[in-house]
Amino acid sequence: MQAEAKANLLYRLSCIEGHLRAVKRMVDEDRPCPEVVQQTRALQGSLRQVSVLLVTNHLDHCLRIDAAEGHDDARQQMRNELVALFQLEAV
């Protein structure tokens, strides 16, 4: 993973971590459920964006290398992994 992409992901994960602590605090403070749900939905969106960035990096970096080097088995395995990931998302 390139340094810039890694730094971006780590920054986003740190933000998510802080947001999660804030949601835990909301629960502890007995905040109204709709407010907590709204914040958990925001967290889910943030995590989804991290997943998109990871998959994009995987495709941009790993798939390109495998294609350039003619590793058809590795490309097929990567394809299967990505299909499995998206099938989990649909559940």
N, C-alpha and C. Protein backbone atom coordinates (compact mmCIF):
# COMPACT_ATOMS: atom_id res chain seq x y z
N MET A 1 0.85 -1.17 0.00
CA MET A 1 0.00 0.00 0.00
C MET A 1 0.90 1.24 0.00
N GLN A 2 0.53 2.19 -0.83
CA GLN A 2 1.31 3.41 -0.91
C GLN A 2 1.15 4.22 0.38
N ALA A 3 2.18 4.98 0.70
CA ALA A 3 2.20 5.72 1.96
C ALA A 3 1.02 6.69 2.08
N GLU A 4 0.68 7.37 1.00
CA GLU A 4 -0.42 8.34 1.04
C GLU A 4 -1.76 7.63 1.31
N ALA A 5 -1.99 6.51 0.65
CA ALA A 5 -3.23 5.76 0.86
C ALA A 5 -3.29 5.23 2.29
N LYS A 6 -2.16 4.74 2.78
CA LYS A 6 -2.11 4.21 4.14
C LYS A 6 -2.39 5.32 5.16
N ALA A 7 -1.78 6.48 4.96
CA ALA A 7 -2.01 7.60 5.87
C ALA A 7 -3.48 8.02 5.86
N ASN A 8 -4.09 8.04 4.68
CA ASN A 8 -5.50 8.39 4.56
C ASN A 8 -6.38 7.39 5.31
N LEU A 9 -6.09 6.10 5.14
CA LEU A 9 -6.87 5.08 5.84
C LEU A 9 -6.70 5.17 7.35
N LEU A 10 -5.48 5.37 7.80
CA LEU A 10 -5.23 5.46 9.24
C LEU A 10 -5.93 6.69 9.83
N TYR A 11 -5.93 7.79 9.09
CA TYR A 11 -6.62 8.99 9.54
C TYR A 11 -8.12 8.71 9.67
N ARG A 12 -8.70 8.09 8.65
CA ARG A 12 -10.14 7.79 8.67
C ARG A 12 -10.47 6.83 9.81
N LEU A 13 -9.62 5.83 10.03
CA LEU A 13 -9.86 4.88 11.12
C LEU A 13 -9.77 5.56 12.48
N SER A 14 -8.86 6.51 12.63
CA SER A 14 -8.77 7.27 13.88
C SER A 14 -10.04 8.09 14.11
N CYS A 15 -10.56 8.67 13.04
CA CYS A 15 -11.81 9.43 13.16
C CYS A 15 -12.95 8.51 13.55
N ILE A 16 -13.00 7.33 12.96
CA ILE A 16 -14.04 6.35 13.28
C ILE A 16 -13.93 5.93 14.74
N GLU A 17 -12.71 5.72 15.18
CA GLU A 17 -12.48 5.33 16.58
C GLU A 17 -13.02 6.40 17.53
N GLY A 18 -12.74 7.66 17.24
CA GLY A 18 -13.25 8.75 18.07
C GLY A 18 -14.77 8.84 18.02
N HIS A 19 -15.31 8.64 16.85
CA HIS A 19 -16.76 8.67 16.68
C HIS A 19 -17.41 7.54 17.47
N LEU A 20 -16.80 6.36 17.45
CA LEU A 20 -17.34 5.22 18.19
C LEU A 20 -17.33 5.51 19.70
N ARG A 21 -16.25 6.12 20.19
CA ARG A 21 -16.21 6.49 21.60
C ARG A 21 -17.34 7.46 21.94
N ALA A 22 -17.61 8.38 21.02
CA ALA A 22 -18.70 9.34 21.25
C ALA A 22 -20.05 8.63 21.29
N VAL A 23 -20.25 7.63 20.45
CA VAL A 23 -21.50 6.88 20.45
C VAL A 23 -21.63 6.09 21.76
N LYS A 24 -20.54 5.49 22.21
CA LYS A 24 -20.57 4.78 23.50
C LYS A 24 -20.96 5.74 24.62
N ARG A 25 -20.42 6.94 24.57
CA ARG A 25 -20.74 7.95 25.58
C ARG A 25 -22.23 8.31 25.52
N MET A 26 -22.77 8.41 24.30
CA MET A 26 -24.20 8.71 24.13
C MET A 26 -25.05 7.63 24.79
N VAL A 27 -24.67 6.37 24.59
CA VAL A 27 -25.42 5.27 25.21
C VAL A 27 -25.32 5.37 26.72
N ASP A 28 -24.12 5.62 27.20
CA ASP A 28 -23.90 5.74 28.64
C ASP A 28 -24.72 6.88 29.23
N GLU A 29 -24.91 7.94 28.47
CA GLU A 29 -25.67 9.11 28.93
C GLU A 29 -27.18 8.96 28.68
N ASP A 30 -27.58 7.79 28.21
CA ASP A 30 -29.00 7.52 27.92
C ASP A 30 -29.61 8.52 26.95
N ARG A 31 -28.86 8.84 25.92
CA ARG A 31 -29.38 9.74 24.88
C ARG A 31 -30.50 9.02 24.13
N PRO A 32 -31.40 9.75 23.53
CA PRO A 32 -32.51 9.13 22.80
C PRO A 32 -32.02 8.18 21.70
N CYS A 33 -32.70 7.06 21.61
CA CYS A 33 -32.31 6.02 20.65
C CYS A 33 -32.19 6.54 19.22
N PRO A 34 -33.12 7.37 18.74
CA PRO A 34 -32.97 7.85 17.36
C PRO A 34 -31.66 8.62 17.13
N GLU A 35 -31.20 9.36 18.14
CA GLU A 35 -29.92 10.07 18.01
C GLU A 35 -28.76 9.09 17.91
N VAL A 36 -28.81 8.03 18.74
CA VAL A 36 -27.74 7.03 18.74
C VAL A 36 -27.74 6.28 17.41
N VAL A 37 -28.94 5.92 16.94
CA VAL A 37 -29.03 5.20 15.66
C VAL A 37 -28.49 6.07 14.53
N GLN A 38 -28.80 7.34 14.55
CA GLN A 38 -28.29 8.24 13.51
C GLN A 38 -26.76 8.23 13.50
N GLN A 39 -26.16 8.24 14.67
CA GLN A 39 -24.70 8.24 14.76
C GLN A 39 -24.11 6.89 14.34
N THR A 40 -24.81 5.80 14.67
CA THR A 40 -24.29 4.49 14.24
C THR A 40 -24.39 4.36 12.72
N ARG A 41 -25.41 4.95 12.13
CA ARG A 41 -25.51 4.93 10.66
C ARG A 41 -24.37 5.72 10.04
N ALA A 42 -24.00 6.82 10.67
CA ALA A 42 -22.86 7.60 10.18
C ALA A 42 -21.58 6.78 10.28
N LEU A 43 -21.43 6.03 11.37
CA LEU A 43 -20.27 5.16 11.53
C LEU A 43 -20.24 4.09 10.44
N GLN A 44 -21.39 3.51 10.16
CA GLN A 44 -21.45 2.49 9.11
C GLN A 44 -21.02 3.06 7.76
N GLY A 45 -21.45 4.27 7.48
CA GLY A 45 -21.03 4.93 6.24
C GLY A 45 -19.53 5.16 6.19
N SER A 46 -18.97 5.56 7.31
CA SER A 46 -17.52 5.78 7.38
C SER A 46 -16.76 4.47 7.18
N LEU A 47 -17.24 3.41 7.80
CA LEU A 47 -16.60 2.10 7.63
C LEU A 47 -16.74 1.60 6.19
N ARG A 48 -17.88 1.86 5.59
CA ARG A 48 -18.08 1.46 4.20
C ARG A 48 -17.08 2.19 3.29
N GLN A 49 -16.85 3.47 3.58
CA GLN A 49 -15.89 4.24 2.78
C GLN A 49 -14.48 3.69 2.94
N VAL A 50 -14.12 3.27 4.15
CA VAL A 50 -12.81 2.64 4.37
C VAL A 50 -12.72 1.36 3.54
N SER A 51 -13.78 0.59 3.53
CA SER A 51 -13.79 -0.64 2.73
C SER A 51 -13.60 -0.34 1.25
N VAL A 52 -14.27 0.68 0.76
CA VAL A 52 -14.14 1.06 -0.64
C VAL A 52 -12.70 1.46 -0.95
N LEU A 53 -12.11 2.23 -0.07
CA LEU A 53 -10.71 2.64 -0.28
C LEU A 53 -9.77 1.44 -0.28
N LEU A 54 -10.01 0.49 0.62
CA LEU A 54 -9.17 -0.71 0.67
C LEU A 54 -9.32 -1.55 -0.60
N VAL A 55 -10.55 -1.73 -1.05
CA VAL A 55 -10.78 -2.51 -2.27
C VAL A 55 -10.17 -1.79 -3.47
N THR A 56 -10.34 -0.48 -3.53
CA THR A 56 -9.76 0.29 -4.62
C THR A 56 -8.25 0.14 -4.65
N ASN A 57 -7.63 0.24 -3.49
CA ASN A 57 -6.17 0.08 -3.41
C ASN A 57 -5.78 -1.33 -3.86
N HIS A 58 -6.53 -2.30 -3.41
CA HIS A 58 -6.26 -3.69 -3.76
C HIS A 58 -6.32 -3.88 -5.28
N LEU A 59 -7.35 -3.32 -5.88
CA LEU A 59 -7.49 -3.44 -7.33
C LEU A 59 -6.40 -2.66 -8.06
N ASP A 60 -6.15 -1.44 -7.63
CA ASP A 60 -5.15 -0.60 -8.31
C ASP A 60 -3.75 -1.17 -8.21
N HIS A 61 -3.44 -1.74 -7.07
CA HIS A 61 -2.07 -2.20 -6.84
C HIS A 61 -1.90 -3.68 -7.17
N CYS A 62 -2.61 -4.53 -6.48
CA CYS A 62 -2.40 -5.97 -6.59
C CYS A 62 -2.83 -6.53 -7.93
N LEU A 63 -4.00 -6.12 -8.39
CA LEU A 63 -4.49 -6.65 -9.65
C LEU A 63 -3.60 -6.23 -10.81
N ARG A 64 -3.13 -5.01 -10.78
CA ARG A 64 -2.24 -4.52 -11.84
C ARG A 64 -0.95 -5.32 -11.87
N ILE A 65 -0.40 -5.60 -10.71
CA ILE A 65 0.85 -6.38 -10.64
C ILE A 65 0.62 -7.79 -11.16
N ASP A 66 -0.46 -8.42 -10.72
CA ASP A 66 -0.75 -9.78 -11.17
C ASP A 66 -0.99 -9.83 -12.67
N ALA A 67 -1.69 -8.83 -13.19
CA ALA A 67 -1.96 -8.80 -14.63
C ALA A 67 -0.67 -8.61 -15.41
N ALA A 68 0.19 -7.72 -14.94
CA ALA A 68 1.45 -7.46 -15.63
C ALA A 68 2.36 -8.67 -15.62
N GLU A 69 2.30 -9.43 -14.56
CA GLU A 69 3.18 -10.59 -14.44
C GLU A 69 2.53 -11.88 -14.94
N GLY A 70 1.28 -11.77 -15.41
CA GLY A 70 0.62 -12.94 -15.98
C GLY A 70 0.21 -14.00 -14.98
N HIS A 71 -0.09 -13.60 -13.78
CA HIS A 71 -0.51 -14.55 -12.74
C HIS A 71 -2.02 -14.75 -12.79
N ASP A 72 -2.46 -15.59 -13.70
CA ASP A 72 -3.90 -15.80 -13.87
C ASP A 72 -4.54 -16.43 -12.63
N ASP A 73 -3.84 -17.35 -11.97
CA ASP A 73 -4.39 -17.97 -10.76
C ASP A 73 -4.60 -16.93 -9.66
N ALA A 74 -3.65 -16.02 -9.50
CA ALA A 74 -3.76 -14.98 -8.49
C ALA A 74 -4.90 -14.03 -8.83
N ARG A 75 -5.07 -13.72 -10.11
CA ARG A 75 -6.18 -12.84 -10.51
C ARG A 75 -7.51 -13.51 -10.23
N GLN A 76 -7.61 -14.80 -10.51
CA GLN A 76 -8.86 -15.52 -10.26
C GLN A 76 -9.15 -15.58 -8.76
N GLN A 77 -8.13 -15.80 -7.96
CA GLN A 77 -8.31 -15.82 -6.51
C GLN A 77 -8.78 -14.46 -6.01
N MET A 78 -8.18 -13.39 -6.52
CA MET A 78 -8.58 -12.05 -6.12
C MET A 78 -10.03 -11.78 -6.52
N ARG A 79 -10.40 -12.21 -7.70
CA ARG A 79 -11.77 -12.05 -8.16
C ARG A 79 -12.73 -12.75 -7.20
N ASN A 80 -12.40 -13.97 -6.84
CA ASN A 80 -13.25 -14.74 -5.93
C ASN A 80 -13.35 -14.07 -4.56
N GLU A 81 -12.25 -13.52 -4.08
CA GLU A 81 -12.25 -12.81 -2.79
C GLU A 81 -13.17 -11.60 -2.85
N LEU A 82 -13.08 -10.83 -3.94
CA LEU A 82 -13.90 -9.63 -4.07
C LEU A 82 -15.38 -9.98 -4.18
N VAL A 83 -15.69 -11.01 -4.94
CA VAL A 83 -17.09 -11.44 -5.05
C VAL A 83 -17.61 -11.84 -3.67
N ALA A 84 -16.81 -12.59 -2.91
CA ALA A 84 -17.22 -13.01 -1.57
C ALA A 84 -17.44 -11.80 -0.67
N LEU A 85 -16.59 -10.80 -0.76
CA LEU A 85 -16.74 -9.59 0.06
C LEU A 85 -18.06 -8.88 -0.26
N PHE A 86 -18.35 -8.75 -1.52
CA PHE A 86 -19.58 -8.06 -1.89
C PHE A 86 -20.82 -8.88 -1.60
N GLN A 87 -20.70 -10.18 -1.61
CA GLN A 87 -21.83 -11.01 -1.22
C GLN A 87 -22.12 -10.84 0.26
N LEU A 88 -21.09 -10.70 1.09
CA LEU A 88 -21.29 -10.44 2.51
C LEU A 88 -21.98 -9.10 2.73
N GLU A 89 -21.62 -8.12 1.92
CA GLU A 89 -22.21 -6.77 2.02
C GLU A 89 -23.70 -6.82 1.76
N ALA A 90 -24.12 -7.71 0.88
CA ALA A 90 -25.53 -7.78 0.50
C ALA A 90 -26.38 -8.46 1.56
N VAL A 91 -25.75 -9.17 2.49
CA VAL A 91 -26.50 -9.91 3.51
C VAL A 91 -27.03 -8.98 4.57
